Amino acid sequence: MVNLYKLLADPTRKKILSLTAKREYTQKELVSSFDMSQPGIKKHIDMLIDEKLLLIRREGKYNYYRLNQSLFEKEAIQAKKEINHILKSKLDRLNDFLEEE
């Protein structure tokens, strides 16, 4: 999976994930939520689909997009573990430094 931080660093992708966490959206509905062209939004949608963060439900000629909640939660838990590990390492080094003083 592409780094979750990189995906969330883009405000458009972050907003798409936020919107689709609440309900399903068609591509047209998503486009109307942004000041961006349809091809521009589609690029972001495709990136999120490729990383399996967005799920598609097809109904007739429409595609409905929604957040893949379980995968997103799994990735968020993993990111939290990584951040906690980094912070613990930094605090341990700071503690070692302070004890040497």
PDB file of N, CA and C in Angstrom:
ATOM      1  N   MET A   1       0.841  -1.188   0.000  1.00  0.00           N
ATOM      2  CA  MET A   1       0.000   0.000   0.000  1.00  0.00           C
ATOM      3  C   MET A   1       0.879   1.241   0.000  1.00  0.00           C
ATOM      4  N   VAL A   2       0.469   2.212  -0.791  1.00  0.00           N
ATOM      5  CA  VAL A   2       1.147   3.501  -0.796  1.00  0.00           C
ATOM      6  C   VAL A   2       1.050   4.059   0.618  1.00  0.00           C
ATOM      7  N   ASN A   3       2.049   4.787   0.991  1.00  0.00           N
ATOM      8  CA  ASN A   3       2.088   5.362   2.326  1.00  0.00           C
ATOM      9  C   ASN A   3       0.807   6.152   2.611  1.00  0.00           C
ATOM     10  N   LEU A   4       0.133   5.791   3.686  1.00  0.00           N
ATOM     11  CA  LEU A   4      -1.110   6.456   4.064  1.00  0.00           C
ATOM     12  C   LEU A   4      -0.896   7.950   4.268  1.00  0.00           C
ATOM     13  N   TYR A   5       0.274   8.312   4.790  1.00  0.00           N
ATOM     14  CA  TYR A   5       0.572   9.728   5.011  1.00  0.00           C
ATOM     15  C   TYR A   5       0.572  10.498   3.689  1.00  0.00           C
ATOM     16  N   LYS A   6       1.127   9.894   2.647  1.00  0.00           N
ATOM     17  CA  LYS A   6       1.155  10.565   1.339  1.00  0.00           C
ATOM     18  C   LYS A   6      -0.254  10.730   0.786  1.00  0.00           C
ATOM     19  N   LEU A   7      -1.085   9.713   0.952  1.00  0.00           N
ATOM     20  CA  LEU A   7      -2.461   9.816   0.470  1.00  0.00           C
ATOM     21  C   LEU A   7      -3.219  10.913   1.208  1.00  0.00           C
ATOM     22  N   LEU A   8      -3.023  10.988   2.507  1.00  0.00           N
ATOM     23  CA  LEU A   8      -3.753  11.971   3.312  1.00  0.00           C
ATOM     24  C   LEU A   8      -3.137  13.359   3.257  1.00  0.00           C
ATOM     25  N   ALA A   9      -1.938  13.461   2.720  1.00  0.00           N
ATOM     26  CA  ALA A   9      -1.292  14.772   2.607  1.00  0.00           C
ATOM     27  C   ALA A   9      -2.006  15.660   1.597  1.00  0.00           C
ATOM     28  N   ASP A  10      -2.717  15.047   0.669  1.00  0.00           N
ATOM     29  CA  ASP A  10      -3.428  15.824  -0.345  1.00  0.00           C
ATOM     30  C   ASP A  10      -4.817  16.188   0.185  1.00  0.00           C
ATOM     31  N   PRO A  11      -5.156  17.481   0.230  1.00  0.00           N
ATOM     32  CA  PRO A  11      -6.450  17.896   0.779  1.00  0.00           C
ATOM     33  C   PRO A  11      -7.649  17.356   0.003  1.00  0.00           C
ATOM     34  N   THR A  12      -7.500  17.171  -1.306  1.00  0.00           N
ATOM     35  CA  THR A  12      -8.609  16.647  -2.106  1.00  0.00           C
ATOM     36  C   THR A  12      -8.909  15.211  -1.714  1.00  0.00           C
ATOM     37  N   ARG A  13      -7.873  14.377  -1.631  1.00  0.00           N
ATOM     38  CA  ARG A  13      -8.087  12.977  -1.248  1.00  0.00           C
ATOM     39  C   ARG A  13      -8.610  12.879   0.184  1.00  0.00           C
ATOM     40  N   LYS A  14      -8.088  13.727   1.052  1.00  0.00           N
ATOM     41  CA  LYS A  14      -8.554  13.725   2.442  1.00  0.00           C
ATOM     42  C   LYS A  14     -10.050  14.056   2.497  1.00  0.00           C
ATOM     43  N   LYS A  15     -10.472  15.034   1.705  1.00  0.00           N
ATOM     44  CA  LYS A  15     -11.890  15.419   1.706  1.00  0.00           C
ATOM     45  C   LYS A  15     -12.753  14.324   1.086  1.00  0.00           C
ATOM     46  N   ILE A  16     -12.271  13.670   0.026  1.00  0.00           N
ATOM     47  CA  ILE A  16     -13.020  12.560  -0.578  1.00  0.00           C
ATOM     48  C   ILE A  16     -13.239  11.467   0.465  1.00  0.00           C
ATOM     49  N   LEU A  17     -12.193  11.120   1.203  1.00  0.00           N
ATOM     50  CA  LEU A  17     -12.321  10.085   2.232  1.00  0.00           C
ATOM     51  C   LEU A  17     -13.280  10.526   3.335  1.00  0.00           C
ATOM     52  N   SER A  18     -13.205  11.783   3.710  1.00  0.00           N
ATOM     53  CA  SER A  18     -14.092  12.303   4.748  1.00  0.00           C
ATOM     54  C   SER A  18     -15.553  12.256   4.302  1.00  0.00           C
ATOM     55  N   LEU A  19     -15.810  12.682   3.079  1.00  0.00           N
ATOM     56  CA  LEU A  19     -17.179  12.664   2.561  1.00  0.00           C
ATOM     57  C   LEU A  19     -17.719  11.243   2.470  1.00  0.00           C
ATOM     58  N   THR A  20     -16.917  10.355   1.899  1.00  0.00           N
ATOM     59  CA  THR A  20     -17.386   8.984   1.667  1.00  0.00           C
ATOM     60  C   THR A  20     -17.421   8.151   2.950  1.00  0.00           C
ATOM     61  N   ALA A  21     -16.902   8.683   4.032  1.00  0.00           N
ATOM     62  CA  ALA A  21     -17.032   8.000   5.326  1.00  0.00           C
ATOM     63  C   ALA A  21     -18.454   8.149   5.863  1.00  0.00           C
ATOM     64  N   LYS A  22     -19.155   9.184   5.409  1.00  0.00           N
ATOM     65  CA  LYS A  22     -20.499   9.476   5.910  1.00  0.00           C
ATOM     66  C   LYS A  22     -21.592   8.792   5.103  1.00  0.00           C
ATOM     67  N   ARG A  23     -21.373   8.694   3.776  1.00  0.00           N
ATOM     68  CA  ARG A  23     -22.373   8.067   2.900  1.00  0.00           C
ATOM     69  C   ARG A  23     -21.745   7.790   1.545  1.00  0.00           C
ATOM     70  N   GLU A  24     -22.481   7.088   0.686  1.00  0.00           N
ATOM     71  CA  GLU A  24     -22.003   6.839  -0.674  1.00  0.00           C
ATOM     72  C   GLU A  24     -22.187   8.094  -1.524  1.00  0.00           C
ATOM     73  N   TYR A  25     -21.277   8.272  -2.461  1.00  0.00           N
ATOM     74  CA  TYR A  25     -21.340   9.388  -3.403  1.00  0.00           C
ATOM     75  C   TYR A  25     -21.125   8.862  -4.808  1.00  0.00           C
ATOM     76  N   THR A  26     -21.826   9.467  -5.771  1.00  0.00           N
ATOM     77  CA  THR A  26     -21.493   9.216  -7.168  1.00  0.00           C
ATOM     78  C   THR A  26     -20.324  10.130  -7.521  1.00  0.00           C
ATOM     79  N   GLN A  27     -19.711   9.855  -8.655  1.00  0.00           N
ATOM     80  CA  GLN A  27     -18.607  10.710  -9.093  1.00  0.00           C
ATOM     81  C   GLN A  27     -19.102  12.136  -9.307  1.00  0.00           C
ATOM     82  N   LYS A  28     -20.284  12.267  -9.893  1.00  0.00           N
ATOM     83  CA  LYS A  28     -20.848  13.592 -10.146  1.00  0.00           C
ATOM     84  C   LYS A  28     -21.052  14.354  -8.835  1.00  0.00           C
ATOM     85  N   GLU A  29     -21.532  13.671  -7.801  1.00  0.00           N
ATOM     86  CA  GLU A  29     -21.722  14.319  -6.501  1.00  0.00           C
ATOM     87  C   GLU A  29     -20.385  14.750  -5.905  1.00  0.00           C
ATOM     88  N   LEU A  30     -19.379  13.903  -6.055  1.00  0.00           N
ATOM     89  CA  LEU A  30     -18.054  14.265  -5.544  1.00  0.00           C
ATOM     90  C   LEU A  30     -17.501  15.473  -6.289  1.00  0.00           C
ATOM     91  N   VAL A  31     -17.624  15.474  -7.605  1.00  0.00           N
ATOM     92  CA  VAL A  31     -17.119  16.598  -8.409  1.00  0.00           C
ATOM     93  C   VAL A  31     -17.788  17.896  -7.974  1.00  0.00           C
ATOM     94  N   SER A  32     -19.086  17.842  -7.697  1.00  0.00           N
ATOM     95  CA  SER A  32     -19.800  19.067  -7.304  1.00  0.00           C
ATOM     96  C   SER A  32     -19.365  19.577  -5.926  1.00  0.00           C
ATOM     97  N   SER A  33     -18.666  18.754  -5.162  1.00  0.00           N
ATOM     98  CA  SER A  33     -18.184  19.163  -3.839  1.00  0.00           C
ATOM     99  C   SER A  33     -16.834  19.871  -3.890  1.00  0.00           C
ATOM    100  N   PHE A  34     -16.253  19.959  -5.089  1.00  0.00           N
ATOM    101  CA  PHE A  34     -14.910  20.528  -5.245  1.00  0.00           C
ATOM    102  C   PHE A  34     -14.903  21.588  -6.332  1.00  0.00           C
ATOM    103  N   ASP A  35     -13.920  22.437  -6.273  1.00  0.00           N
ATOM    104  CA  ASP A  35     -13.679  23.410  -7.334  1.00  0.00           C
ATOM    105  C   ASP A  35     -12.573  22.844  -8.224  1.00  0.00           C
ATOM    106  N   MET A  36     -12.905  21.716  -8.871  1.00  0.00           N
ATOM    107  CA  MET A  36     -11.920  20.992  -9.669  1.00  0.00           C
ATOM    108  C   MET A  36     -12.658  20.289 -10.804  1.00  0.00           C
ATOM    109  N   SER A  37     -11.943  20.030 -11.879  1.00  0.00           N
ATOM    110  CA  SER A  37     -12.553  19.374 -13.034  1.00  0.00           C
ATOM    111  C   SER A  37     -12.868  17.911 -12.726  1.00  0.00           C
ATOM    112  N   GLN A  38     -13.767  17.341 -13.520  1.00  0.00           N
ATOM    113  CA  GLN A  38     -14.117  15.929 -13.373  1.00  0.00           C
ATOM    114  C   GLN A  38     -12.896  15.033 -13.549  1.00  0.00           C
ATOM    115  N   PRO A  39     -12.050  15.265 -14.589  1.00  0.00           N
ATOM    116  CA  PRO A  39     -10.858  14.413 -14.717  1.00  0.00           C
ATOM    117  C   PRO A  39      -9.910  14.534 -13.521  1.00  0.00           C
ATOM    118  N   GLY A  40      -9.832  15.722 -12.940  1.00  0.00           N
ATOM    119  CA  GLY A  40      -8.975  15.911 -11.770  1.00  0.00           C
ATOM    120  C   GLY A  40      -9.465  15.107 -10.574  1.00  0.00           C
ATOM    121  N   ILE A  41     -10.768  15.153 -10.327  1.00  0.00           N
ATOM    122  CA  ILE A  41     -11.348  14.375  -9.223  1.00  0.00           C
ATOM    123  C   ILE A  41     -11.220  12.885  -9.505  1.00  0.00           C
ATOM    124  N   LYS A  42     -11.443  12.491 -10.756  1.00  0.00           N
ATOM    125  CA  LYS A  42     -11.356  11.069 -11.126  1.00  0.00           C
ATOM    126  C   LYS A  42      -9.962  10.523 -10.840  1.00  0.00           C
ATOM    127  N   LYS A  43      -8.940  11.335 -11.074  1.00  0.00           N
ATOM    128  CA  LYS A  43      -7.563  10.911 -10.794  1.00  0.00           C
ATOM    129  C   LYS A  43      -7.398  10.566  -9.309  1.00  0.00           C
ATOM    130  N   HIS A  44      -7.944  11.405  -8.452  1.00  0.00           N
ATOM    131  CA  HIS A  44      -7.862  11.159  -7.008  1.00  0.00           C
ATOM    132  C   HIS A  44      -8.694   9.938  -6.607  1.00  0.00           C
ATOM    133  N   ILE A  45      -9.888   9.819  -7.183  1.00  0.00           N
ATOM    134  CA  ILE A  45     -10.741   8.657  -6.907  1.00  0.00           C
ATOM    135  C   ILE A  45     -10.014   7.377  -7.299  1.00  0.00           C
ATOM    136  N   ASP A  46      -9.429   7.372  -8.498  1.00  0.00           N
ATOM    137  CA  ASP A  46      -8.717   6.178  -8.977  1.00  0.00           C
ATOM    138  C   ASP A  46      -7.551   5.810  -8.062  1.00  0.00           C
ATOM    139  N   MET A  47      -6.840   6.814  -7.576  1.00  0.00           N
ATOM    140  CA  MET A  47      -5.718   6.544  -6.677  1.00  0.00           C
ATOM    141  C   MET A  47      -6.216   5.889  -5.386  1.00  0.00           C
ATOM    142  N   LEU A  48      -7.322   6.377  -4.861  1.00  0.00           N
ATOM    143  CA  LEU A  48      -7.880   5.810  -3.632  1.00  0.00           C
ATOM    144  C   LEU A  48      -8.445   4.411  -3.862  1.00  0.00           C
ATOM    145  N   ILE A  49      -9.012   4.186  -5.043  1.00  0.00           N
ATOM    146  CA  ILE A  49      -9.505   2.845  -5.392  1.00  0.00           C
ATOM    147  C   ILE A  49      -8.335   1.882  -5.533  1.00  0.00           C
ATOM    148  N   ASP A  50      -7.277   2.324  -6.213  1.00  0.00           N
ATOM    149  CA  ASP A  50      -6.090   1.472  -6.393  1.00  0.00           C
ATOM    150  C   ASP A  50      -5.522   1.020  -5.051  1.00  0.00           C
ATOM    151  N   GLU A  51      -5.606   1.885  -4.057  1.00  0.00           N
ATOM    152  CA  GLU A  51      -5.090   1.553  -2.724  1.00  0.00           C
ATOM    153  C   GLU A  51      -6.158   0.908  -1.840  1.00  0.00           C
ATOM    154  N   LYS A  52      -7.317   0.645  -2.442  1.00  0.00           N
ATOM    155  CA  LYS A  52      -8.430  -0.043  -1.771  1.00  0.00           C
ATOM    156  C   LYS A  52      -9.025   0.738  -0.593  1.00  0.00           C
ATOM    157  N   LEU A  53      -8.796   2.046  -0.581  1.00  0.00           N
ATOM    158  CA  LEU A  53      -9.397   2.878   0.460  1.00  0.00           C
ATOM    159  C   LEU A  53     -10.817   3.304   0.103  1.00  0.00           C
ATOM    160  N   LEU A  54     -11.153   3.234  -1.188  1.00  0.00           N
ATOM    161  CA  LEU A  54     -12.522   3.492  -1.633  1.00  0.00           C
ATOM    162  C   LEU A  54     -13.086   2.211  -2.222  1.00  0.00           C
ATOM    163  N   LEU A  55     -14.329   1.931  -1.897  1.00  0.00           N
ATOM    164  CA  LEU A  55     -15.041   0.796  -2.469  1.00  0.00           C
ATOM    165  C   LEU A  55     -16.042   1.318  -3.488  1.00  0.00           C
ATOM    166  N   ILE A  56     -16.327   0.508  -4.503  1.00  0.00           N
ATOM    167  CA  ILE A  56     -17.274   0.891  -5.559  1.00  0.00           C
ATOM    168  C   ILE A  56     -18.466  -0.050  -5.516  1.00  0.00           C
ATOM    169  N   ARG A  57     -19.644   0.533  -5.626  1.00  0.00           N
ATOM    170  CA  ARG A  57     -20.866  -0.248  -5.822  1.00  0.00           C
ATOM    171  C   ARG A  57     -21.485   0.243  -7.117  1.00  0.00           C
ATOM    172  N   ARG A  58     -21.641  -0.673  -8.059  1.00  0.00           N
ATOM    173  CA  ARG A  58     -22.213  -0.300  -9.350  1.00  0.00           C
ATOM    174  C   ARG A  58     -23.715  -0.556  -9.334  1.00  0.00           C
ATOM    175  N   GLU A  59     -24.454   0.445  -9.811  1.00  0.00           N
ATOM    176  CA  GLU A  59     -25.902   0.313  -9.913  1.00  0.00           C
ATOM    177  C   GLU A  59     -26.331   0.977 -11.211  1.00  0.00           C
ATOM    178  N   GLY A  60     -26.725   0.154 -12.172  1.00  0.00           N
ATOM    179  CA  GLY A  60     -27.060   0.689 -13.486  1.00  0.00           C
ATOM    180  C   GLY A  60     -25.842   1.339 -14.104  1.00  0.00           C
ATOM    181  N   LYS A  61     -25.998   2.574 -14.543  1.00  0.00           N
ATOM    182  CA  LYS A  61     -24.868   3.275 -15.161  1.00  0.00           C
ATOM    183  C   LYS A  61     -24.060   4.097 -14.156  1.00  0.00           C
ATOM    184  N   TYR A  62     -24.407   3.999 -12.879  1.00  0.00           N
ATOM    185  CA  TYR A  62     -23.732   4.804 -11.861  1.00  0.00           C
ATOM    186  C   TYR A  62     -22.809   3.960 -10.989  1.00  0.00           C
ATOM    187  N   ASN A  63     -21.706   4.580 -10.600  1.00  0.00           N
ATOM    188  CA  ASN A  63     -20.799   4.010  -9.608  1.00  0.00           C
ATOM    189  C   ASN A  63     -20.968   4.808  -8.323  1.00  0.00           C
ATOM    190  N   TYR A  64     -21.118   4.098  -7.225  1.00  0.00           N
ATOM    191  CA  TYR A  64     -21.222   4.729  -5.913  1.00  0.00           C
ATOM    192  C   TYR A  64     -19.955   4.411  -5.135  1.00  0.00           C
ATOM    193  N   TYR A  65     -19.354   5.439  -4.573  1.00  0.00           N
ATOM    194  CA  TYR A  65     -18.089   5.295  -3.863  1.00  0.00           C
ATOM    195  C   TYR A  65     -18.313   5.497  -2.371  1.00  0.00           C
ATOM    196  N   ARG A  66     -17.618   4.668  -1.582  1.00  0.00           N
ATOM    197  CA  ARG A  66     -17.657   4.842  -0.128  1.00  0.00           C
ATOM    198  C   ARG A  66     -16.317   4.418   0.453  1.00  0.00           C
ATOM    199  N   LEU A  67     -16.033   4.943   1.613  1.00  0.00           N
ATOM    200  CA  LEU A  67     -14.792   4.632   2.309  1.00  0.00           C
ATOM    201  C   LEU A  67     -14.766   3.157   2.693  1.00  0.00           C
ATOM    202  N   ASN A  68     -13.626   2.523   2.487  1.00  0.00           N
ATOM    203  CA  ASN A  68     -13.402   1.160   2.972  1.00  0.00           C
ATOM    204  C   ASN A  68     -13.017   1.298   4.444  1.00  0.00           C
ATOM    205  N   GLN A  69     -14.019   1.358   5.286  1.00  0.00           N
ATOM    206  CA  GLN A  69     -13.835   1.676   6.707  1.00  0.00           C
ATOM    207  C   GLN A  69     -12.872   0.715   7.398  1.00  0.00           C
ATOM    208  N   SER A  70     -13.010  -0.575   7.147  1.00  0.00           N
ATOM    209  CA  SER A  70     -12.167  -1.545   7.861  1.00  0.00           C
ATOM    210  C   SER A  70     -10.696  -1.388   7.489  1.00  0.00           C
ATOM    211  N   LEU A  71     -10.402  -1.192   6.210  1.00  0.00           N
ATOM    212  CA  LEU A  71      -9.007  -1.009   5.803  1.00  0.00           C
ATOM    213  C   LEU A  71      -8.461   0.313   6.332  1.00  0.00           C
ATOM    214  N   PHE A  72      -9.276   1.362   6.274  1.00  0.00           N
ATOM    215  CA  PHE A  72      -8.831   2.660   6.769  1.00  0.00           C
ATOM    216  C   PHE A  72      -8.501   2.584   8.260  1.00  0.00           C
ATOM    217  N   GLU A  73      -9.363   1.921   9.026  1.00  0.00           N
ATOM    218  CA  GLU A  73      -9.107   1.778  10.462  1.00  0.00           C
ATOM    219  C   GLU A  73      -7.838   0.972  10.711  1.00  0.00           C
ATOM    220  N   LYS A  74      -7.654  -0.090   9.940  1.00  0.00           N
ATOM    221  CA  LYS A  74      -6.447  -0.918  10.078  1.00  0.00           C
ATOM    222  C   LYS A  74      -5.196  -0.085   9.798  1.00  0.00           C
ATOM    223  N   GLU A  75      -5.225   0.707   8.733  1.00  0.00           N
ATOM    224  CA  GLU A  75      -4.083   1.553   8.385  1.00  0.00           C
ATOM    225  C   GLU A  75      -3.856   2.634   9.437  1.00  0.00           C
ATOM    226  N   ALA A  76      -4.941   3.180   9.978  1.00  0.00           N
ATOM    227  CA  ALA A  76      -4.812   4.213  11.010  1.00  0.00           C
ATOM    228  C   ALA A  76      -4.188   3.634  12.281  1.00  0.00           C
ATOM    229  N   ILE A  77      -4.571   2.426  12.639  1.00  0.00           N
ATOM    230  CA  ILE A  77      -3.985   1.764  13.812  1.00  0.00           C
ATOM    231  C   ILE A  77      -2.496   1.534  13.594  1.00  0.00           C
ATOM    232  N   GLN A  78      -2.138   1.086  12.398  1.00  0.00           N
ATOM    233  CA  GLN A  78      -0.724   0.859  12.086  1.00  0.00           C
ATOM    234  C   GLN A  78       0.064   2.175  12.137  1.00  0.00           C
ATOM    235  N   ALA A  79      -0.523   3.238  11.595  1.00  0.00           N
ATOM    236  CA  ALA A  79       0.142   4.549  11.623  1.00  0.00           C
ATOM    237  C   ALA A  79       0.341   5.013  13.065  1.00  0.00           C
ATOM    238  N   LYS A  80      -0.658   4.796  13.903  1.00  0.00           N
ATOM    239  CA  LYS A  80      -0.549   5.182  15.318  1.00  0.00           C
ATOM    240  C   LYS A  80       0.586   4.413  15.996  1.00  0.00           C
ATOM    241  N   LYS A  81       0.696   3.122  15.701  1.00  0.00           N
ATOM    242  CA  LYS A  81       1.785   2.316  16.277  1.00  0.00           C
ATOM    243  C   LYS A  81       3.145   2.858  15.848  1.00  0.00           C
ATOM    244  N   GLU A  82       3.266   3.214  14.568  1.00  0.00           N
ATOM    245  CA  GLU A  82       4.532   3.756  14.067  1.00  0.00           C
ATOM    246  C   GLU A  82       4.879   5.073  14.760  1.00  0.00           C
ATOM    247  N   ILE A  83       3.894   5.932  14.909  1.00  0.00           N
ATOM    248  CA  ILE A  83       4.120   7.224  15.566  1.00  0.00           C
ATOM    249  C   ILE A  83       4.496   7.016  17.029  1.00  0.00           C
ATOM    250  N   ASN A  84       3.795   6.109  17.707  1.00  0.00           N
ATOM    251  CA  ASN A  84       4.121   5.820  19.111  1.00  0.00           C
ATOM    252  C   ASN A  84       5.543   5.296  19.251  1.00  0.00           C
ATOM    253  N   HIS A  85       5.960   4.446  18.327  1.00  0.00           N
ATOM    254  CA  HIS A  85       7.320   3.901  18.357  1.00  0.00           C
ATOM    255  C   HIS A  85       8.355   5.025  18.191  1.00  0.00           C
ATOM    256  N   ILE A  86       8.109   5.912  17.253  1.00  0.00           N
ATOM    257  CA  ILE A  86       9.020   7.040  17.018  1.00  0.00           C
ATOM    258  C   ILE A  86       9.086   7.934  18.257  1.00  0.00           C
ATOM    259  N   LEU A  87       7.928   8.260  18.819  1.00  0.00           N
ATOM    260  CA  LEU A  87       7.897   9.127  20.001  1.00  0.00           C
ATOM    261  C   LEU A  87       8.592   8.475  21.194  1.00  0.00           C
ATOM    262  N   LYS A  88       8.364   7.184  21.391  1.00  0.00           N
ATOM    263  CA  LYS A  88       9.015   6.482  22.499  1.00  0.00           C
ATOM    264  C   LYS A  88      10.529   6.505  22.329  1.00  0.00           C
ATOM    265  N   SER A  89      10.990   6.282  21.124  1.00  0.00           N
ATOM    266  CA  SER A  89      12.425   6.305  20.849  1.00  0.00           C
ATOM    267  C   SER A  89      13.015   7.680  21.163  1.00  0.00           C
ATOM    268  N   LYS A  90      12.330   8.727  20.734  1.00  0.00           N
ATOM    269  CA  LYS A  90      12.805  10.098  20.988  1.00  0.00           C
ATOM    270  C   LYS A  90      12.808  10.405  22.487  1.00  0.00           C
ATOM    271  N   LEU A  91      11.755   9.995  23.176  1.00  0.00           N
ATOM    272  CA  LEU A  91      11.688  10.240  24.621  1.00  0.00           C
ATOM    273  C   LEU A  91      12.760   9.457  25.374  1.00  0.00           C
ATOM    274  N   ASP A  92      13.024   8.233  24.940  1.00  0.00           N
ATOM    275  CA  ASP A  92      14.091   7.436  25.561  1.00  0.00           C
ATOM    276  C   ASP A  92      15.443   8.122  25.393  1.00  0.00           C
ATOM    277  N   ARG A  93      15.701   8.640  24.195  1.00  0.00           N
ATOM    278  CA  ARG A  93      16.974   9.341  23.965  1.00  0.00           C
ATOM    279  C   ARG A  93      17.068  10.609  24.798  1.00  0.00           C
ATOM    280  N   LEU A  94      15.960  11.329  24.899  1.00  0.00           N
ATOM    281  CA  LEU A  94      15.941  12.539  25.725  1.00  0.00           C
ATOM    282  C   LEU A  94      16.193  12.181  27.189  1.00  0.00           C
ATOM    283  N   ASN A  95      15.556  11.132  27.646  1.00  0.00           N
ATOM    284  CA  ASN A  95      15.745  10.681  29.025  1.00  0.00           C
ATOM    285  C   ASN A  95      17.203  10.294  29.273  1.00  0.00           C
ATOM    286  N   ASP A  96      17.802   9.563  28.339  1.00  0.00           N
ATOM    287  CA  ASP A  96      19.217   9.191  28.465  1.00  0.00           C
ATOM    288  C   ASP A  96      20.102  10.433  28.537  1.00  0.00           C
ATOM    289  N   PHE A  97      19.814  11.404  27.697  1.00  0.00           N
ATOM    290  CA  PHE A  97      20.584  12.645  27.678  1.00  0.00           C
ATOM    291  C   PHE A  97      20.471  13.378  29.014  1.00  0.00           C
ATOM    292  N   LEU A  98      19.247  13.475  29.526  1.00  0.00           N
ATOM    293  CA  LEU A  98      19.026  14.190  30.783  1.00  0.00           C
ATOM    294  C   LEU A  98      19.681  13.482  31.964  1.00  0.00           C
ATOM    295  N   GLU A  99      19.708  12.164  31.928  1.00  0.00           N
ATOM    296  CA  GLU A  99      20.352  11.406  33.008  1.00  0.00           C
ATOM    297  C   GLU A  99      21.868  11.581  32.991  1.00  0.00           C
ATOM    298  N   GLU A 100      22.440  11.824  31.819  1.00  0.00           N
ATOM    299  CA  GLU A 100      23.884  12.044  31.702  1.00  0.00           C
ATOM    300  C   GLU A 100      24.294  13.394  32.274  1.00  0.00           C
ATOM    301  N   GLU A 101      23.395  14.335  32.275  1.00  0.00           N
ATOM    302  CA  GLU A 101      23.696  15.699  32.742  1.00  0.00           C
ATOM    303  C   GLU A 101      23.894  15.768  34.202  1.00  0.00           C
TER     304      GLU A 101
END
